[in-house]
Amino acid sequence: MNIIIFKKILCIISYIAQSVHSEDITDVIRQQLQEDGSSVSFDALTDIMSYIQDKGFLQRDDMICDLLPSANVFAKAEEQTISEALALYECFIICNQMQYTEIYADPIACDLLCQTILLKKENNGFVINELLQDDVYAIQKEYETTSPIISSTLSAIYANQLLSIDETTTYRNEESDIIPYDNLQDILTIIPRRGIPEDRNMTKPIHAFYKDTLMYEFRHSCPICGIDMPHLLIASHIKPFRDCAHIMEALDHNNGLLLCRNHDYLFDQGYITFDDDGCMHISKLLQTKKNIRTSYQLHPKQCLPKSFLTKNRTLFLTYHRKHIFQSH
């Protein structure tokens, strides 16, 4: 399977998934490939789409198509880069539950990975690029101990690719405390610089990646009211972007909730928050409102689904309750 075509198809899916009905996606991809001048037969496209869906790269229901966050990174990463290789590898970990020594069990996966800088054929076998072995081990370890949406290792490496940092770039919050990630030292090895860039325009690609990941995790809807129109949804930081002490905090989906515009404002301004069990807490400033259920769509006993309460997200929610929530 040609990795350039494979990647191009994933890239098209990434850009159209939120605007195209699930049933129409293959036809739209075929049209886009033709307009781009890419020669892909009907049978070849059908085979690739079947592989993408069978392996779980693409989540698809009656209305929504979504790429795995790692597949999204692979699609958008520059060719022959560490980000591209590790993102594709992570896709196969998620889809096949592979150990790195078992990649060869799937001939197509092996063929695709050999077209990146990760894997090469040697002496009738396959060898992982020794420069990437530590990263492969770190990703594998994350999936053995937790079930992340995307590994922090890949997220940090991809962030390095997205950011254009030079000696003149100024940072803020360099002395602030970083959320105590279990693998904080590994993250700091990849991105040693603390704080975040003063110029927020520099982080626009980071925000796009952050929102794409939250859209995938929250299935394109606000968990409070259920609004599911993409242009009405905000990737809301739990620990505000302005307070982030490291770029990892700014891009980490665990530091986020996908909220409609109304509930994003209430959360951002500290009128609502959530405890470690996901139960909503409403500021006393709102509790006196008689129309809190009808106009604000707030229910005191409402809780976030347990699936969203990752260990790292509860750390960020602790920060929100302490520093943002208006309890009085």
Protein backbone atom coordinates (compact mmCIF):
# COMPACT_ATOMS: atom_id res chain seq x y z
CA MET A 1 0.00 0.00 0.00
CA ASN A 2 1.40 3.37 -1.03
CA ILE A 3 1.87 5.52 2.08
CA ILE A 4 1.51 8.78 0.14
CA ILE A 5 -1.98 7.82 -1.09
CA PHE A 6 -2.87 6.32 2.29
CA LYS A 7 -1.82 9.51 4.03
CA LYS A 8 -3.58 11.72 1.50
CA ILE A 9 -6.86 9.87 2.08
CA LEU A 10 -6.55 10.28 5.85
CA CYS A 11 -5.76 13.95 5.37
CA ILE A 12 -8.92 14.44 3.28
CA ILE A 13 -10.96 12.64 5.94
CA SER A 14 -9.46 14.90 8.60
CA TYR A 15 -10.54 18.05 6.79
CA ILE A 16 -14.03 16.96 5.71
CA ALA A 17 -15.15 14.70 8.56
CA GLN A 18 -17.05 17.40 10.44
CA SER A 19 -18.86 18.73 7.38
CA VAL A 20 -19.74 15.62 5.36
CA HIS A 21 -22.40 13.03 6.16
CA SER A 22 -20.91 9.65 7.07
CA GLU A 23 -22.56 7.87 4.12
CA ASP A 24 -21.06 10.32 1.60
CA ILE A 25 -17.48 10.35 2.77
CA THR A 26 -16.06 7.80 0.27
CA ASP A 27 -17.63 9.60 -2.69
CA VAL A 28 -16.25 12.94 -1.49
CA ILE A 29 -12.77 11.44 -1.07
CA ARG A 30 -12.90 10.00 -4.60
CA GLN A 31 -13.89 13.40 -5.98
CA GLN A 32 -11.13 15.20 -4.06
CA LEU A 33 -8.50 12.72 -5.23
CA GLN A 34 -9.60 13.23 -8.84
CA GLU A 35 -9.44 17.01 -8.48
CA ASP A 36 -5.97 16.65 -6.97
CA GLY A 37 -4.83 14.54 -9.90
CA SER A 38 -4.19 11.45 -7.76
CA SER A 39 -4.71 8.23 -9.70
CA VAL A 40 -6.54 5.79 -7.44
CA SER A 41 -8.84 3.14 -8.82
CA PHE A 42 -12.27 2.50 -7.38
CA ASP A 43 -11.17 -0.93 -6.09
CA ALA A 44 -7.99 0.45 -4.52
CA LEU A 45 -9.88 3.24 -2.75
CA THR A 46 -12.47 0.74 -1.51
CA ASP A 47 -9.69 -1.50 -0.14
CA ILE A 48 -7.95 1.40 1.61
CA MET A 49 -11.19 2.68 3.13
CA SER A 50 -12.05 -0.83 4.32
CA TYR A 51 -8.62 -1.16 5.93
CA ILE A 52 -8.87 2.26 7.59
CA GLN A 53 -12.27 1.42 9.02
CA ASP A 54 -11.54 -2.20 9.95
CA LYS A 55 -8.42 -1.17 11.85
CA GLY A 56 -10.28 1.53 13.73
CA PHE A 57 -8.43 4.55 12.31
CA LEU A 58 -11.89 5.93 11.52
CA GLN A 59 -14.81 6.04 13.93
CA ARG A 60 -18.01 6.15 11.96
CA ASP A 61 -21.69 6.23 12.87
CA ASP A 62 -24.87 7.41 11.16
CA MET A 63 -23.79 11.05 11.19
CA ILE A 64 -20.17 11.47 12.30
CA CYS A 65 -16.82 10.39 10.95
CA ASP A 66 -13.77 10.97 13.12
CA LEU A 67 -10.12 9.99 12.82
CA LEU A 68 -8.17 8.70 15.77
CA PRO A 69 -6.14 11.65 17.12
CA SER A 70 -2.94 9.76 16.31
CA ALA A 71 -4.21 9.15 12.76
CA ASN A 72 -4.95 12.86 12.52
CA VAL A 73 -1.34 13.62 13.53
CA PHE A 74 -0.03 11.10 11.00
CA ALA A 75 -2.13 12.65 8.24
CA LYS A 76 -0.87 16.18 8.93
CA ALA A 77 2.72 15.51 9.99
CA GLU A 78 5.52 16.32 7.58
CA GLU A 79 6.78 13.35 5.59
CA GLN A 80 9.75 11.37 6.88
CA THR A 81 9.60 12.93 10.33
CA ILE A 82 9.57 11.45 13.82
CA SER A 83 5.99 12.70 14.31
CA GLU A 84 4.78 10.88 11.20
CA ALA A 85 6.48 7.60 12.12
CA LEU A 86 5.41 7.54 15.76
CA ALA A 87 1.85 8.62 14.96
CA LEU A 88 1.39 5.73 12.54
CA TYR A 89 2.97 3.35 15.04
CA GLU A 90 0.59 4.58 17.75
CA CYS A 91 -2.38 3.97 15.45
CA PHE A 92 -1.42 0.33 15.17
CA ILE A 93 -0.89 0.01 18.92
CA ILE A 94 -4.46 1.23 19.46
CA CYS A 95 -5.96 -0.80 16.63
CA ASN A 96 -4.03 -4.05 17.00
CA GLN A 97 -2.78 -3.90 20.58
CA MET A 98 0.68 -4.61 19.12
CA GLN A 99 3.94 -4.85 20.96
CA TYR A 100 6.74 -3.26 18.96
CA THR A 101 8.23 -6.71 18.34
CA GLU A 102 4.94 -7.87 16.78
CA ILE A 103 4.46 -5.19 14.14
CA TYR A 104 5.32 -7.64 11.40
CA ALA A 105 2.16 -9.64 12.24
CA ASP A 106 0.14 -7.30 10.02
CA PRO A 107 1.75 -7.22 6.55
CA ILE A 108 0.06 -3.95 5.54
CA ALA A 109 1.01 -2.25 8.81
CA CYS A 110 4.56 -3.47 8.41
CA ASP A 111 4.70 -2.27 4.80
CA LEU A 112 3.40 1.19 5.74
CA LEU A 113 5.78 1.55 8.69
CA CYS A 114 8.70 0.57 6.48
CA GLN A 115 7.86 3.60 4.34
CA THR A 116 8.41 5.86 7.39
CA ILE A 117 11.67 6.34 9.28
CA LEU A 118 10.52 3.93 12.01
CA LEU A 119 11.05 0.50 10.51
CA LYS A 120 13.41 -1.08 8.02
CA LYS A 121 13.80 -4.58 6.61
CA GLU A 122 17.01 -6.35 7.56
CA ASN A 123 18.16 -9.98 7.31
CA ASN A 124 14.70 -11.38 6.58
CA GLY A 125 13.31 -9.45 9.55
CA PHE A 126 12.48 -5.92 10.61
CA VAL A 127 14.41 -3.49 12.81
CA ILE A 128 13.16 -0.35 14.56
CA ASN A 129 15.23 2.78 14.05
CA GLU A 130 17.42 2.91 17.15
CA LEU A 131 16.97 6.70 17.36
CA LEU A 132 13.25 6.16 17.96
CA GLN A 133 13.42 3.18 20.30
CA ASP A 134 13.08 5.24 23.49
CA ASP A 135 10.03 7.04 22.09
CA VAL A 136 8.49 3.74 21.00
CA TYR A 137 9.04 2.34 24.48
CA ALA A 138 7.52 5.45 26.11
CA ILE A 139 4.40 5.25 23.93
CA GLN A 140 4.06 1.53 24.55
CA LYS A 141 4.37 2.10 28.31
CA GLU A 142 1.62 4.73 28.28
CA TYR A 143 -0.78 2.32 26.60
CA GLU A 144 0.14 -0.49 28.95
CA THR A 145 -0.62 1.59 32.05
CA THR A 146 -3.53 3.78 30.85
CA SER A 147 -5.89 4.09 27.90
CA PRO A 148 -5.08 7.55 26.51
CA ILE A 149 -6.89 9.22 23.64
CA ILE A 150 -3.40 10.04 22.39
CA SER A 151 -0.08 9.55 24.17
CA SER A 152 1.58 12.54 25.81
CA THR A 153 4.83 11.41 24.15
CA LEU A 154 3.41 11.79 20.65
CA SER A 155 1.59 15.01 21.60
CA ALA A 156 4.80 16.61 22.85
CA ILE A 157 6.83 15.50 19.82
CA TYR A 158 4.15 16.79 17.45
CA ALA A 159 4.00 20.09 19.33
CA ASN A 160 7.71 20.55 18.69
CA GLN A 161 7.02 20.17 14.98
CA LEU A 162 4.13 22.63 15.04
CA LEU A 163 5.86 25.38 16.99
CA SER A 164 8.25 27.73 15.23
CA ILE A 165 10.43 28.80 18.14
CA ASP A 166 13.65 30.78 17.84
CA GLU A 167 15.95 32.70 20.18
CA THR A 168 13.77 35.82 19.98
CA THR A 169 10.61 34.05 21.19
CA THR A 170 9.50 35.36 24.57
CA TYR A 171 7.69 33.18 27.10
CA ARG A 172 5.50 33.77 30.13
CA ASN A 173 4.67 31.64 33.20
CA GLU A 174 8.16 30.11 33.16
CA GLU A 175 8.25 30.00 36.96
CA SER A 176 4.70 28.67 37.40
CA ASP A 177 3.97 25.14 38.59
CA ILE A 178 3.19 22.49 35.98
CA ILE A 179 0.38 20.02 36.64
CA PRO A 180 2.10 16.94 38.20
CA TYR A 181 1.98 14.51 35.28
CA ASP A 182 3.25 11.02 36.12
CA ASN A 183 5.67 11.28 33.18
CA LEU A 184 6.54 14.95 33.64
CA GLN A 185 10.28 14.32 33.31
CA ASP A 186 9.75 12.55 29.99
CA ILE A 187 7.69 15.51 28.76
CA LEU A 188 10.39 17.96 29.87
CA THR A 189 13.00 15.90 28.05
CA ILE A 190 11.05 16.38 24.81
CA ILE A 191 10.11 20.04 25.49
CA PRO A 192 12.52 21.43 28.13
CA ARG A 193 11.28 24.99 27.82
CA ARG A 194 8.80 25.91 30.54
CA GLY A 195 6.04 28.46 30.08
CA ILE A 196 4.14 29.33 26.91
CA PRO A 197 4.90 31.80 24.09
CA GLU A 198 3.78 35.38 24.69
CA ASP A 199 2.57 35.61 21.09
CA ARG A 200 -0.61 33.52 21.01
CA ASN A 201 -0.57 33.49 17.19
CA MET A 202 2.40 31.13 17.41
CA THR A 203 0.21 28.52 19.07
CA LYS A 204 -2.66 28.51 16.54
CA PRO A 205 -1.62 25.09 15.15
CA ILE A 206 -1.55 23.80 18.73
CA HIS A 207 -5.13 25.02 19.29
CA ALA A 208 -6.32 23.29 16.10
CA PHE A 209 -4.79 19.99 17.27
CA TYR A 210 -6.28 20.51 20.75
CA LYS A 211 -9.81 21.11 19.43
CA ASP A 212 -9.63 18.19 16.97
CA THR A 213 -8.76 15.88 19.86
CA LEU A 214 -11.58 17.17 22.06
CA MET A 215 -14.07 16.88 19.18
CA TYR A 216 -13.07 13.21 18.87
CA GLU A 217 -13.23 12.53 22.60
CA PHE A 218 -16.57 14.28 23.22
CA ARG A 219 -18.16 12.99 20.01
CA HIS A 220 -18.87 16.50 18.71
CA SER A 221 -21.30 17.52 21.46
CA CYS A 222 -21.46 19.53 24.67
CA PRO A 223 -21.70 17.12 27.64
CA ILE A 224 -23.91 19.56 29.55
CA CYS A 225 -26.68 20.38 27.05
CA GLY A 226 -25.98 18.10 24.07
CA ILE A 227 -25.55 20.81 21.42
CA ASP A 228 -23.78 19.13 18.50
CA MET A 229 -23.26 21.88 15.92
CA PRO A 230 -19.45 22.16 15.43
CA HIS A 231 -19.43 25.94 14.96
CA LEU A 232 -21.24 26.37 18.30
CA LEU A 233 -18.69 24.30 20.23
CA ILE A 234 -15.62 25.65 22.04
CA ALA A 235 -12.52 23.74 23.09
CA SER A 236 -12.54 25.14 26.61
CA HIS A 237 -9.35 25.01 28.68
CA ILE A 238 -9.86 23.91 32.29
CA LYS A 239 -6.64 25.55 33.41
CA PRO A 240 -6.89 28.69 31.26
CA PHE A 241 -4.42 29.05 28.42
CA ARG A 242 -3.19 32.29 29.97
CA ASP A 243 -2.15 30.35 33.10
CA CYS A 244 -0.50 27.36 31.41
CA ALA A 245 3.02 26.71 32.68
CA HIS A 246 4.13 24.50 29.77
CA ILE A 247 3.04 23.99 26.18
CA MET A 248 1.94 20.46 27.12
CA GLU A 249 -0.75 21.91 29.37
CA ALA A 250 -1.94 24.11 26.51
CA LEU A 251 -2.32 21.22 24.04
CA ASP A 252 -3.36 18.41 26.40
CA HIS A 253 -6.98 17.38 25.80
CA ASN A 254 -7.12 16.42 29.50
CA ASN A 255 -6.94 20.16 30.16
CA GLY A 256 -10.16 20.64 28.25
CA LEU A 257 -13.89 20.20 27.90
CA LEU A 258 -15.84 20.58 24.68
CA LEU A 259 -18.61 23.00 25.57
CA CYS A 260 -21.26 25.03 23.77
CA ARG A 261 -20.65 28.77 23.71
CA ASN A 262 -22.99 29.44 26.66
CA HIS A 263 -21.56 26.78 28.96
CA ASP A 264 -18.01 27.62 27.88
CA TYR A 265 -18.56 31.17 29.15
CA LEU A 266 -20.05 29.99 32.46
CA PHE A 267 -17.16 27.55 32.96
CA ASP A 268 -14.48 30.02 31.88
CA GLN A 269 -15.81 32.70 34.25
CA GLY A 270 -16.05 30.27 37.16
CA TYR A 271 -19.84 30.11 37.49
CA ILE A 272 -19.75 26.31 37.19
CA THR A 273 -17.14 23.63 37.84
CA PHE A 274 -16.92 19.87 38.39
CA ASP A 275 -15.55 17.76 41.22
CA ASP A 276 -13.37 14.65 40.88
CA ASP A 277 -16.48 12.50 40.43
CA GLY A 278 -17.63 14.73 37.58
CA CYS A 279 -20.55 16.23 39.53
CA MET A 280 -21.39 19.82 38.64
CA HIS A 281 -21.01 22.57 41.22
CA ILE A 282 -22.87 25.83 40.58
CA SER A 283 -21.71 29.14 41.98
CA LYS A 284 -23.96 30.78 44.54
CA LEU A 285 -24.06 33.72 42.14
CA LEU A 286 -26.22 31.55 39.85
CA GLN A 287 -28.07 29.43 42.38
CA THR A 288 -30.45 32.31 43.13
CA LYS A 289 -31.64 32.41 39.51
CA LYS A 290 -35.15 30.95 39.23
CA ASN A 291 -34.63 29.99 35.58
CA ILE A 292 -31.37 28.15 36.12
CA ARG A 293 -32.73 24.93 34.59
CA THR A 294 -34.63 26.39 31.66
CA SER A 295 -32.52 29.37 30.58
CA TYR A 296 -29.10 28.17 31.72
CA GLN A 297 -29.65 24.44 31.16
CA LEU A 298 -27.92 23.70 34.48
CA HIS A 299 -28.89 20.87 36.78
CA PRO A 300 -27.17 20.68 40.19
CA LYS A 301 -26.99 16.88 40.13
CA GLN A 302 -25.67 16.68 36.57
CA CYS A 303 -22.38 14.79 36.15
CA LEU A 304 -19.83 14.30 33.43
CA PRO A 305 -19.63 10.71 32.13
CA LYS A 306 -16.99 8.70 33.97
CA SER A 307 -15.12 8.09 30.73
CA PHE A 308 -14.07 11.75 30.70
CA LEU A 309 -12.65 11.67 34.23
CA THR A 310 -9.08 10.73 33.43
CA LYS A 311 -6.47 11.08 36.13
CA ASN A 312 -4.91 14.12 34.46
CA ARG A 313 -8.28 15.78 33.83
CA THR A 314 -9.11 15.55 37.53
CA LEU A 315 -5.79 17.29 38.27
CA PHE A 316 -6.83 20.15 36.00
CA LEU A 317 -10.33 20.25 37.53
CA THR A 318 -8.71 20.60 40.95
CA TYR A 319 -6.91 23.68 39.61
CA HIS A 320 -10.19 25.05 38.24
CA ARG A 321 -12.03 24.65 41.55
CA LYS A 322 -9.18 26.29 43.44
CA HIS A 323 -8.35 29.19 41.13
CA ILE A 324 -11.31 29.83 38.79
CA PHE A 325 -14.57 28.73 40.43
CA GLN A 326 -16.53 31.51 42.15
CA SER A 327 -17.79 29.54 45.11
CA HIS A 328 -19.26 32.57 46.90
